């Protein structure tokens, strides 16, 4: 068949990539899609869209949880840094008293921080995971080779997420009296 000849019956001329023509029989060539075909295509599209929406939801929730954890960690770190800048003698007067280091509100989430100082200690025992916990007990005393006074410090930031779940971040460090001359 030459390119200028007419197509008859249920045949459709298809131009291929390499320039030659082929005649393929196609049923109902001019009638379009049936309702069943359109509905099946819509169901397949819907399943794909639900997957994308689900992925987007979990991505947003993960980002919010990550932001909350970052803020809580920064607040606890800031409390520890402030206590490290406090003179050691003044630090001893704050012993075993939970003190609010501040409250921050972001994204409808309220964060509260507390810290504790335990003298003559290099390691703290677990005192629960809430900001209302009692002062932590000393888990390990300094041995006799440690010649300078040392105190353990714990900072904890607590918050409740948008689902009502309580979370906390706890950071521990030690601080020694840098004014005592070494032996």
C-alpha atoms as a PDB file:
ATOM      1  CA  UNK A   1       0.000   0.000   0.000  1.00  0.00           C
ATOM      2  CA  UNK A   2       1.338   3.411  -0.957  1.00  0.00           C
ATOM      3  CA  UNK A   3       1.201   6.278   1.571  1.00  0.00           C
ATOM      4  CA  UNK A   4      -1.350   8.105  -0.587  1.00  0.00           C
ATOM      5  CA  UNK A   5      -3.836   5.204  -0.752  1.00  0.00           C
ATOM      6  CA  UNK A   6      -7.012   5.233   1.359  1.00  0.00           C
ATOM      7  CA  UNK A   7      -7.402   3.099   4.445  1.00  0.00           C
ATOM      8  CA  UNK A   8     -10.449   0.897   4.450  1.00  0.00           C
ATOM      9  CA  UNK A   9     -12.253  -1.113   7.129  1.00  0.00           C
ATOM     10  CA  UNK A  10     -10.891  -1.260  10.684  1.00  0.00           C
ATOM     11  CA  UNK A  11      -7.277  -0.609   9.768  1.00  0.00           C
ATOM     12  CA  UNK A  12      -5.268   2.343  11.080  1.00  0.00           C
ATOM     13  CA  UNK A  13      -2.066   3.575   9.514  1.00  0.00           C
ATOM     14  CA  UNK A  14       0.728   3.946  12.089  1.00  0.00           C
ATOM     15  CA  UNK A  15       3.895   5.810  11.251  1.00  0.00           C
ATOM     16  CA  UNK A  16       6.822   4.187  12.903  1.00  0.00           C
ATOM     17  CA  UNK A  17      10.060   5.719  14.111  1.00  0.00           C
ATOM     18  CA  UNK A  18      12.062   4.692  11.079  1.00  0.00           C
ATOM     19  CA  UNK A  19       9.686   6.188   8.503  1.00  0.00           C
ATOM     20  CA  UNK A  20       7.903   3.135   7.082  1.00  0.00           C
ATOM     21  CA  UNK A  21       4.199   2.446   7.494  1.00  0.00           C
ATOM     22  CA  UNK A  22       2.325  -0.520   8.811  1.00  0.00           C
ATOM     23  CA  UNK A  23      -1.338  -1.379   8.772  1.00  0.00           C
ATOM     24  CA  UNK A  24      -2.734  -2.816  11.985  1.00  0.00           C
ATOM     25  CA  UNK A  25      -6.322  -3.873  12.470  1.00  0.00           C
ATOM     26  CA  UNK A  26      -7.921  -2.051  15.431  1.00  0.00           C
ATOM     27  CA  UNK A  27     -11.437  -2.737  16.692  1.00  0.00           C
ATOM     28  CA  UNK A  28     -13.610   0.289  17.299  1.00  0.00           C
ATOM     29  CA  UNK A  29     -10.871   2.649  16.137  1.00  0.00           C
ATOM     30  CA  UNK A  30     -12.978   5.775  16.136  1.00  0.00           C
ATOM     31  CA  UNK A  31     -15.148   5.171  19.197  1.00  0.00           C
ATOM     32  CA  UNK A  32     -12.706   6.075  22.096  1.00  0.00           C
ATOM     33  CA  UNK A  33     -12.480   4.453  25.529  1.00  0.00           C
ATOM     34  CA  UNK A  34     -15.230   2.491  27.185  1.00  0.00           C
ATOM     35  CA  UNK A  35     -16.591   3.460  30.589  1.00  0.00           C
ATOM     36  CA  UNK A  36     -15.033   0.363  32.170  1.00  0.00           C
ATOM     37  CA  UNK A  37     -11.583   1.276  30.819  1.00  0.00           C
ATOM     38  CA  UNK A  38     -11.888   4.817  32.163  1.00  0.00           C
ATOM     39  CA  UNK A  39     -12.996   3.577  35.588  1.00  0.00           C
ATOM     40  CA  UNK A  40     -10.109   1.079  35.789  1.00  0.00           C
ATOM     41  CA  UNK A  41      -7.668   3.856  34.872  1.00  0.00           C
ATOM     42  CA  UNK A  42      -9.163   6.077  37.592  1.00  0.00           C
ATOM     43  CA  UNK A  43      -8.823   3.308  40.216  1.00  0.00           C
ATOM     44  CA  UNK A  44      -5.149   2.809  39.281  1.00  0.00           C
ATOM     45  CA  UNK A  45      -4.580   6.579  39.484  1.00  0.00           C
ATOM     46  CA  UNK A  46      -6.373   6.728  42.856  1.00  0.00           C
ATOM     47  CA  UNK A  47      -4.207   3.963  44.329  1.00  0.00           C
ATOM     48  CA  UNK A  48      -1.082   5.835  43.216  1.00  0.00           C
ATOM     49  CA  UNK A  49      -2.323   9.139  44.646  1.00  0.00           C
ATOM     50  CA  UNK A  50      -3.165   7.532  48.011  1.00  0.00           C
ATOM     51  CA  UNK A  51       0.393   6.202  48.168  1.00  0.00           C
ATOM     52  CA  UNK A  52       1.845   9.649  47.453  1.00  0.00           C
ATOM     53  CA  UNK A  53      -0.435  11.305  50.027  1.00  0.00           C
ATOM     54  CA  UNK A  54       0.498   8.726  52.658  1.00  0.00           C
ATOM     55  CA  UNK A  55       4.184   9.278  51.976  1.00  0.00           C
ATOM     56  CA  UNK A  56       3.696  13.053  52.290  1.00  0.00           C
ATOM     57  CA  UNK A  57       1.866  12.686  55.631  1.00  0.00           C
ATOM     58  CA  UNK A  58       4.610  10.547  57.186  1.00  0.00           C
ATOM     59  CA  UNK A  59       7.271  12.889  55.841  1.00  0.00           C
ATOM     60  CA  UNK A  60       5.633  15.897  57.522  1.00  0.00           C
ATOM     61  CA  UNK A  61       5.218  13.993  60.825  1.00  0.00           C
ATOM     62  CA  UNK A  62       8.843  12.856  60.711  1.00  0.00           C
ATOM     63  CA  UNK A  63      10.042  16.413  60.112  1.00  0.00           C
ATOM     64  CA  UNK A  64       7.973  17.695  63.053  1.00  0.00           C
ATOM     65  CA  UNK A  65       9.346  15.014  65.394  1.00  0.00           C
ATOM     66  CA  UNK A  66      12.885  15.773  64.236  1.00  0.00           C
ATOM     67  CA  UNK A  67      12.382  19.512  64.834  1.00  0.00           C
ATOM     68  CA  UNK A  68      11.048  18.886  68.355  1.00  0.00           C
ATOM     69  CA  UNK A  69      13.988  16.628  69.221  1.00  0.00           C
ATOM     70  CA  UNK A  70      16.474  19.199  67.856  1.00  0.00           C
ATOM     71  CA  UNK A  71      14.908  22.020  69.900  1.00  0.00           C
ATOM     72  CA  UNK A  72      14.875  19.922  73.096  1.00  0.00           C
ATOM     73  CA  UNK A  73      18.495  18.887  72.610  1.00  0.00           C
ATOM     74  CA  UNK A  74      19.521  22.504  72.017  1.00  0.00           C
ATOM     75  CA  UNK A  75      17.711  23.648  75.188  1.00  0.00           C
ATOM     76  CA  UNK A  76      19.419  20.957  77.300  1.00  0.00           C
ATOM     77  CA  UNK A  77      22.787  21.774  75.745  1.00  0.00           C
ATOM     78  CA  UNK A  78      22.253  25.471  76.433  1.00  0.00           C
ATOM     79  CA  UNK A  79      21.477  24.733  80.107  1.00  0.00           C
ATOM     80  CA  UNK A  80      24.697  22.668  80.402  1.00  0.00           C
ATOM     81  CA  UNK A  81      26.753  25.400  78.738  1.00  0.00           C
ATOM     82  CA  UNK A  82      25.338  28.021  81.135  1.00  0.00           C
ATOM     83  CA  UNK A  83      26.213  25.813  84.126  1.00  0.00           C
ATOM     84  CA  UNK A  84      29.734  25.285  82.771  1.00  0.00           C
ATOM     85  CA  UNK A  85      30.185  29.068  82.702  1.00  0.00           C
ATOM     86  CA  UNK A  86      29.017  29.394  86.323  1.00  0.00           C
ATOM     87  CA  UNK A  87      31.912  29.583  88.812  1.00  0.00           C
ATOM     88  CA  UNK A  88      32.412  26.269  90.583  1.00  0.00           C
ATOM     89  CA  UNK A  89      31.830  27.769  94.065  1.00  0.00           C
ATOM     90  CA  UNK A  90      28.438  29.152  92.954  1.00  0.00           C
ATOM     91  CA  UNK A  91      27.578  25.829  91.376  1.00  0.00           C
ATOM     92  CA  UNK A  92      27.878  24.109  94.766  1.00  0.00           C
ATOM     93  CA  UNK A  93      25.110  26.297  96.243  1.00  0.00           C
ATOM     94  CA  UNK A  94      22.689  24.986  93.570  1.00  0.00           C
ATOM     95  CA  UNK A  95      23.182  21.393  94.619  1.00  0.00           C
ATOM     96  CA  UNK A  96      20.328  18.900  94.267  1.00  0.00           C
ATOM     97  CA  UNK A  97      17.702  21.461  93.368  1.00  0.00           C
ATOM     98  CA  UNK A  98      15.801  21.071  90.126  1.00  0.00           C
ATOM     99  CA  UNK A  99      15.627  24.490  88.593  1.00  0.00           C
ATOM    100  CA  UNK A 100      13.672  25.499  85.532  1.00  0.00           C
ATOM    101  CA  UNK A 101      16.162  26.676  82.946  1.00  0.00           C
ATOM    102  CA  UNK A 102      13.427  28.160  80.813  1.00  0.00           C
ATOM    103  CA  UNK A 103      10.363  27.433  78.748  1.00  0.00           C
ATOM    104  CA  UNK A 104      10.157  27.709  74.997  1.00  0.00           C
ATOM    105  CA  UNK A 105       7.088  27.365  72.825  1.00  0.00           C
ATOM    106  CA  UNK A 106       7.300  26.546  69.145  1.00  0.00           C
ATOM    107  CA  UNK A 107       4.837  24.935  66.759  1.00  0.00           C
ATOM    108  CA  UNK A 108       2.199  24.681  69.543  1.00  0.00           C
ATOM    109  CA  UNK A 109       4.607  22.537  71.577  1.00  0.00           C
ATOM    110  CA  UNK A 110       5.801  23.732  74.996  1.00  0.00           C
ATOM    111  CA  UNK A 111       9.259  22.698  76.187  1.00  0.00           C
ATOM    112  CA  UNK A 112      10.376  22.839  79.816  1.00  0.00           C
ATOM    113  CA  UNK A 113      13.904  22.302  81.103  1.00  0.00           C
ATOM    114  CA  UNK A 114      15.307  21.315  84.484  1.00  0.00           C
ATOM    115  CA  UNK A 115      18.819  20.672  85.734  1.00  0.00           C
ATOM    116  CA  UNK A 116      20.493  19.150  88.763  1.00  0.00           C
ATOM    117  CA  UNK A 117      23.993  19.443  90.253  1.00  0.00           C
ATOM    118  CA  UNK A 118      25.357  16.585  92.411  1.00  0.00           C
ATOM    119  CA  UNK A 119      28.688  17.327  94.192  1.00  0.00           C
ATOM    120  CA  UNK A 120      31.497  14.793  94.599  1.00  0.00           C
ATOM    121  CA  UNK A 121      30.145  12.635  91.816  1.00  0.00           C
ATOM    122  CA  UNK A 122      31.317  11.571  88.349  1.00  0.00           C
ATOM    123  CA  UNK A 123      28.244   9.593  87.212  1.00  0.00           C
ATOM    124  CA  UNK A 124      24.519   9.912  87.865  1.00  0.00           C
ATOM    125  CA  UNK A 125      21.883   7.215  88.350  1.00  0.00           C
ATOM    126  CA  UNK A 126      18.653   7.271  86.370  1.00  0.00           C
ATOM    127  CA  UNK A 127      15.991   9.416  88.026  1.00  0.00           C
ATOM    128  CA  UNK A 128      13.122   8.791  85.615  1.00  0.00           C
ATOM    129  CA  UNK A 129      12.391  10.521  82.373  1.00  0.00           C
ATOM    130  CA  UNK A 130      10.198  13.408  83.502  1.00  0.00           C
ATOM    131  CA  UNK A 131      11.090  16.973  84.392  1.00  0.00           C
ATOM    132  CA  UNK A 132       9.361  16.549  87.768  1.00  0.00           C
ATOM    133  CA  UNK A 133      11.723  13.798  88.857  1.00  0.00           C
ATOM    134  CA  UNK A 134      13.654  13.887  92.115  1.00  0.00           C
ATOM    135  CA  UNK A 135      17.310  14.792  92.157  1.00  0.00           C
ATOM    136  CA  UNK A 136      19.434  12.018  90.669  1.00  0.00           C
ATOM    137  CA  UNK A 137      21.576   9.929  92.983  1.00  0.00           C
ATOM    138  CA  UNK A 138      25.287   9.582  92.459  1.00  0.00           C
ATOM    139  CA  UNK A 139      26.040   6.312  90.673  1.00  0.00           C
ATOM    140  CA  UNK A 140      29.834   6.505  90.841  1.00  0.00           C
ATOM    141  CA  UNK A 141      31.950   8.452  93.294  1.00  0.00           C
ATOM    142  CA  UNK A 142      35.324   9.786  92.230  1.00  0.00           C
ATOM    143  CA  UNK A 143      38.141   7.461  93.161  1.00  0.00           C
ATOM    144  CA  UNK A 144      41.046   8.475  95.352  1.00  0.00           C
ATOM    145  CA  UNK A 145      43.262   9.313  92.364  1.00  0.00           C
ATOM    146  CA  UNK A 146      41.036  12.264  91.471  1.00  0.00           C
ATOM    147  CA  UNK A 147      42.536  15.154  93.419  1.00  0.00           C
ATOM    148  CA  UNK A 148      40.192  17.977  92.370  1.00  0.00           C
ATOM    149  CA  UNK A 149      36.572  18.516  93.428  1.00  0.00           C
ATOM    150  CA  UNK A 150      34.142  17.312  90.785  1.00  0.00           C
ATOM    151  CA  UNK A 151      30.370  17.588  90.377  1.00  0.00           C
ATOM    152  CA  UNK A 152      27.981  15.811  88.028  1.00  0.00           C
ATOM    153  CA  UNK A 153      25.390  17.874  86.184  1.00  0.00           C
ATOM    154  CA  UNK A 154      22.208  16.661  84.479  1.00  0.00           C
ATOM    155  CA  UNK A 155      20.015  18.768  82.191  1.00  0.00           C
ATOM    156  CA  UNK A 156      16.652  17.498  80.964  1.00  0.00           C
ATOM    157  CA  UNK A 157      14.135  19.029  78.557  1.00  0.00           C
ATOM    158  CA  UNK A 158      10.599  17.637  78.404  1.00  0.00           C
ATOM    159  CA  UNK A 159       7.706  18.199  76.020  1.00  0.00           C
ATOM    160  CA  UNK A 160       4.421  16.686  74.905  1.00  0.00           C
ATOM    161  CA  UNK A 161       3.965  16.292  71.160  1.00  0.00           C
ATOM    162  CA  UNK A 162       0.767  17.047  69.226  1.00  0.00           C
ATOM    163  CA  UNK A 163      -0.436  13.463  69.772  1.00  0.00           C
ATOM    164  CA  UNK A 164      -0.181  13.820  73.577  1.00  0.00           C
ATOM    165  CA  UNK A 165       2.919  11.619  73.923  1.00  0.00           C
ATOM    166  CA  UNK A 166       5.499  12.751  76.517  1.00  0.00           C
ATOM    167  CA  UNK A 167       9.155  12.959  75.472  1.00  0.00           C
ATOM    168  CA  UNK A 168      12.393  14.021  77.146  1.00  0.00           C
ATOM    169  CA  UNK A 169      16.041  14.605  76.320  1.00  0.00           C
ATOM    170  CA  UNK A 170      18.605  14.125  79.093  1.00  0.00           C
ATOM    171  CA  UNK A 171      22.235  15.232  78.906  1.00  0.00           C
ATOM    172  CA  UNK A 172      24.860  14.569  81.607  1.00  0.00           C
ATOM    173  CA  UNK A 173      28.288  16.077  82.104  1.00  0.00           C
ATOM    174  CA  UNK A 174      30.839  16.569  84.862  1.00  0.00           C
ATOM    175  CA  UNK A 175      32.464  19.753  86.066  1.00  0.00           C
ATOM    176  CA  UNK A 176      35.601  20.064  88.169  1.00  0.00           C
ATOM    177  CA  UNK A 177      36.976  22.979  90.093  1.00  0.00           C
ATOM    178  CA  UNK A 178      39.497  24.484  87.722  1.00  0.00           C
ATOM    179  CA  UNK A 179      40.868  26.790  90.447  1.00  0.00           C
ATOM    180  CA  UNK A 180      42.317  23.936  92.518  1.00  0.00           C
ATOM    181  CA  UNK A 181      46.001  23.481  91.684  1.00  0.00           C
ATOM    182  CA  UNK A 182      46.931  20.053  90.442  1.00  0.00           C
ATOM    183  CA  UNK A 183      49.208  18.017  92.745  1.00  0.00           C
END
